[in-house]
Amino acid sequence: MTDLEFLDRAELLLKAVELACDRINDDGDADIDNQRVGGMITLTFENKSQIIINLQKPLHEVWLAARSGGYHFKFDGQHWADTKGQGEFFERLSKDASTQTGLALTFQA
């Protein structure tokens, strides 16, 4: 994957996260503050816990940091897959956001 291909794919992922936050805020009881600065999004929940998503351009990875730990994802041609085989990006984000808020939250591409 070239640098430009990575940036295009990563931008789609970040935009999907932002749109999912808007949808979740509009449709449910969650209040997610999503702050984007360049290639990093910080999700802050009502209980002040956070999830941070940022791009690692030299590695062509997206990193996710949550209470449960830190995860690295690479695009496998179809999905952003965990580099240690622990699942797909949006599954991980949904699981961690749900755990941290106590609400059933779903993020998807």
C-alpha atoms as a PDB file:
ATOM      1  CA  MET A   1       0.000   0.000   0.000  1.00  0.00           C
ATOM      2  CA  THR A   2       1.349   3.414  -0.900  1.00  0.00           C
ATOM      3  CA  ASP A   3       1.325   6.357   1.493  1.00  0.00           C
ATOM      4  CA  LEU A   4      -1.505   7.979  -0.481  1.00  0.00           C
ATOM      5  CA  GLU A   5      -3.586   4.799  -0.442  1.00  0.00           C
ATOM      6  CA  PHE A   6      -3.087   4.539   3.320  1.00  0.00           C
ATOM      7  CA  LEU A   7      -4.119   8.157   3.842  1.00  0.00           C
ATOM      8  CA  ASP A   8      -7.233   7.702   1.691  1.00  0.00           C
ATOM      9  CA  ARG A   9      -8.297   4.543   3.548  1.00  0.00           C
ATOM     10  CA  ALA A  10      -7.449   6.021   6.951  1.00  0.00           C
ATOM     11  CA  GLU A  11      -9.421   9.193   6.190  1.00  0.00           C
ATOM     12  CA  LEU A  12     -12.477   7.049   5.378  1.00  0.00           C
ATOM     13  CA  LEU A  13     -12.074   5.273   8.726  1.00  0.00           C
ATOM     14  CA  LEU A  14     -11.790   8.515  10.703  1.00  0.00           C
ATOM     15  CA  LYS A  15     -14.780   9.999   8.885  1.00  0.00           C
ATOM     16  CA  ALA A  16     -16.808   6.846   9.650  1.00  0.00           C
ATOM     17  CA  VAL A  17     -15.969   7.223  13.362  1.00  0.00           C
ATOM     18  CA  GLU A  18     -17.077  10.861  13.324  1.00  0.00           C
ATOM     19  CA  LEU A  19     -20.333  10.024  11.524  1.00  0.00           C
ATOM     20  CA  ALA A  20     -21.017   7.138  13.923  1.00  0.00           C
ATOM     21  CA  CYS A  21     -20.584   9.482  16.900  1.00  0.00           C
ATOM     22  CA  ASP A  22     -23.092  11.897  15.358  1.00  0.00           C
ATOM     23  CA  ARG A  23     -25.552   9.048  14.722  1.00  0.00           C
ATOM     24  CA  ILE A  24     -25.148   7.640  18.239  1.00  0.00           C
ATOM     25  CA  ASN A  25     -25.630  11.084  19.807  1.00  0.00           C
ATOM     26  CA  ASP A  26     -28.737  11.764  17.701  1.00  0.00           C
ATOM     27  CA  ASP A  27     -30.378   8.349  18.122  1.00  0.00           C
ATOM     28  CA  GLY A  28     -29.610   7.281  21.676  1.00  0.00           C
ATOM     29  CA  ASP A  29     -28.810   8.183  25.254  1.00  0.00           C
ATOM     30  CA  ALA A  30     -25.054   8.434  24.784  1.00  0.00           C
ATOM     31  CA  ASP A  31     -23.252  11.750  24.725  1.00  0.00           C
ATOM     32  CA  ILE A  32     -19.949  11.330  22.911  1.00  0.00           C
ATOM     33  CA  ASP A  33     -17.727  14.353  22.430  1.00  0.00           C
ATOM     34  CA  ASN A  34     -15.500  13.638  19.448  1.00  0.00           C
ATOM     35  CA  GLN A  35     -12.588  16.001  18.936  1.00  0.00           C
ATOM     36  CA  ARG A  36     -10.465  15.662  15.819  1.00  0.00           C
ATOM     37  CA  VAL A  37      -7.029  17.182  15.400  1.00  0.00           C
ATOM     38  CA  GLY A  38      -5.320  16.131  12.172  1.00  0.00           C
ATOM     39  CA  GLY A  39      -4.988  12.352  12.174  1.00  0.00           C
ATOM     40  CA  MET A  40      -6.228  11.873  15.744  1.00  0.00           C
ATOM     41  CA  ILE A  41      -9.728  11.613  17.193  1.00  0.00           C
ATOM     42  CA  THR A  42     -10.406  11.705  20.915  1.00  0.00           C
ATOM     43  CA  LEU A  43     -13.764  10.307  22.016  1.00  0.00           C
ATOM     44  CA  THR A  44     -14.772  11.542  25.458  1.00  0.00           C
ATOM     45  CA  PHE A  45     -17.786   9.978  27.152  1.00  0.00           C
ATOM     46  CA  GLU A  46     -20.081  11.394  29.855  1.00  0.00           C
ATOM     47  CA  ASN A  47     -18.111   9.566  32.557  1.00  0.00           C
ATOM     48  CA  LYS A  48     -14.954  11.372  31.305  1.00  0.00           C
ATOM     49  CA  SER A  49     -13.352   8.154  30.046  1.00  0.00           C
ATOM     50  CA  GLN A  50     -11.730   8.396  26.628  1.00  0.00           C
ATOM     51  CA  ILE A  51     -10.819   6.398  23.565  1.00  0.00           C
ATOM     52  CA  ILE A  52      -8.094   7.797  21.334  1.00  0.00           C
ATOM     53  CA  ILE A  53      -7.694   6.840  17.682  1.00  0.00           C
ATOM     54  CA  ASN A  54      -4.660   8.039  15.781  1.00  0.00           C
ATOM     55  CA  LEU A  55      -2.871   7.397  12.533  1.00  0.00           C
ATOM     56  CA  GLN A  56       0.657   6.039  12.452  1.00  0.00           C
ATOM     57  CA  LYS A  57       1.538   7.109   8.930  1.00  0.00           C
ATOM     58  CA  PRO A  58       5.065   5.628   8.703  1.00  0.00           C
ATOM     59  CA  LEU A  59       3.712   2.207   9.729  1.00  0.00           C
ATOM     60  CA  HIS A  60       0.464   2.462   7.720  1.00  0.00           C
ATOM     61  CA  GLU A  61      -1.411   1.642  10.931  1.00  0.00           C
ATOM     62  CA  VAL A  62      -4.314   3.019  12.927  1.00  0.00           C
ATOM     63  CA  TRP A  63      -3.872   2.838  16.669  1.00  0.00           C
ATOM     64  CA  LEU A  64      -6.697   2.686  19.203  1.00  0.00           C
ATOM     65  CA  ALA A  65      -6.140   3.328  22.909  1.00  0.00           C
ATOM     66  CA  ALA A  66      -8.897   2.457  25.388  1.00  0.00           C
ATOM     67  CA  ARG A  67      -9.166   1.362  29.015  1.00  0.00           C
ATOM     68  CA  SER A  68      -8.751  -2.241  27.848  1.00  0.00           C
ATOM     69  CA  GLY A  69      -5.388  -1.504  26.213  1.00  0.00           C
ATOM     70  CA  GLY A  70      -3.759  -0.360  23.007  1.00  0.00           C
ATOM     71  CA  TYR A  71      -4.412  -1.911  19.602  1.00  0.00           C
ATOM     72  CA  HIS A  72      -2.777  -1.577  16.189  1.00  0.00           C
ATOM     73  CA  PHE A  73      -4.717  -2.092  12.951  1.00  0.00           C
ATOM     74  CA  LYS A  74      -3.593  -2.526   9.330  1.00  0.00           C
ATOM     75  CA  PHE A  75      -5.794  -2.546   6.278  1.00  0.00           C
ATOM     76  CA  ASP A  76      -5.942  -6.119   4.904  1.00  0.00           C
ATOM     77  CA  GLY A  77      -7.681  -5.264   1.627  1.00  0.00           C
ATOM     78  CA  GLN A  78     -11.185  -5.365   3.130  1.00  0.00           C
ATOM     79  CA  HIS A  79     -11.019  -4.406   6.821  1.00  0.00           C
ATOM     80  CA  TRP A  80      -8.789  -2.756   9.363  1.00  0.00           C
ATOM     81  CA  ALA A  81      -7.521  -5.883  11.133  1.00  0.00           C
ATOM     82  CA  ASP A  82      -5.702  -6.035  14.461  1.00  0.00           C
ATOM     83  CA  THR A  83      -2.040  -6.828  13.907  1.00  0.00           C
ATOM     84  CA  LYS A  84      -2.181  -9.462  16.682  1.00  0.00           C
ATOM     85  CA  GLY A  85      -5.256 -11.203  15.300  1.00  0.00           C
ATOM     86  CA  GLN A  86      -7.675  -9.789  17.875  1.00  0.00           C
ATOM     87  CA  GLY A  87     -10.405  -8.709  15.462  1.00  0.00           C
ATOM     88  CA  GLU A  88     -11.514  -5.816  13.318  1.00  0.00           C
ATOM     89  CA  PHE A  89     -11.288  -2.096  14.162  1.00  0.00           C
ATOM     90  CA  PHE A  90     -15.011  -1.268  14.367  1.00  0.00           C
ATOM     91  CA  GLU A  91     -15.747  -4.392  16.440  1.00  0.00           C
ATOM     92  CA  ARG A  92     -13.024  -3.378  18.913  1.00  0.00           C
ATOM     93  CA  LEU A  93     -14.204   0.236  19.038  1.00  0.00           C
ATOM     94  CA  SER A  94     -17.824  -0.851  19.599  1.00  0.00           C
ATOM     95  CA  LYS A  95     -16.806  -3.247  22.367  1.00  0.00           C
ATOM     96  CA  ASP A  96     -14.605  -0.730  24.181  1.00  0.00           C
ATOM     97  CA  ALA A  97     -17.064   2.164  23.843  1.00  0.00           C
ATOM     98  CA  SER A  98     -19.872  -0.046  25.147  1.00  0.00           C
ATOM     99  CA  THR A  99     -17.776  -1.251  28.088  1.00  0.00           C
ATOM    100  CA  GLN A 100     -16.614   2.238  29.005  1.00  0.00           C
ATOM    101  CA  THR A 101     -20.104   3.792  28.843  1.00  0.00           C
ATOM    102  CA  GLY A 102     -22.254   0.888  30.027  1.00  0.00           C
ATOM    103  CA  LEU A 103     -24.404   1.377  26.890  1.00  0.00           C
ATOM    104  CA  ALA A 104     -24.727  -0.795  23.800  1.00  0.00           C
ATOM    105  CA  LEU A 105     -22.902   1.320  21.196  1.00  0.00           C
ATOM    106  CA  THR A 106     -22.278   0.227  17.623  1.00  0.00           C
ATOM    107  CA  PHE A 107     -19.653   1.726  15.338  1.00  0.00           C
ATOM    108  CA  GLN A 108     -19.381   0.573  11.739  1.00  0.00           C
ATOM    109  CA  ALA A 109     -17.644   1.477   8.512  1.00  0.00           C
END
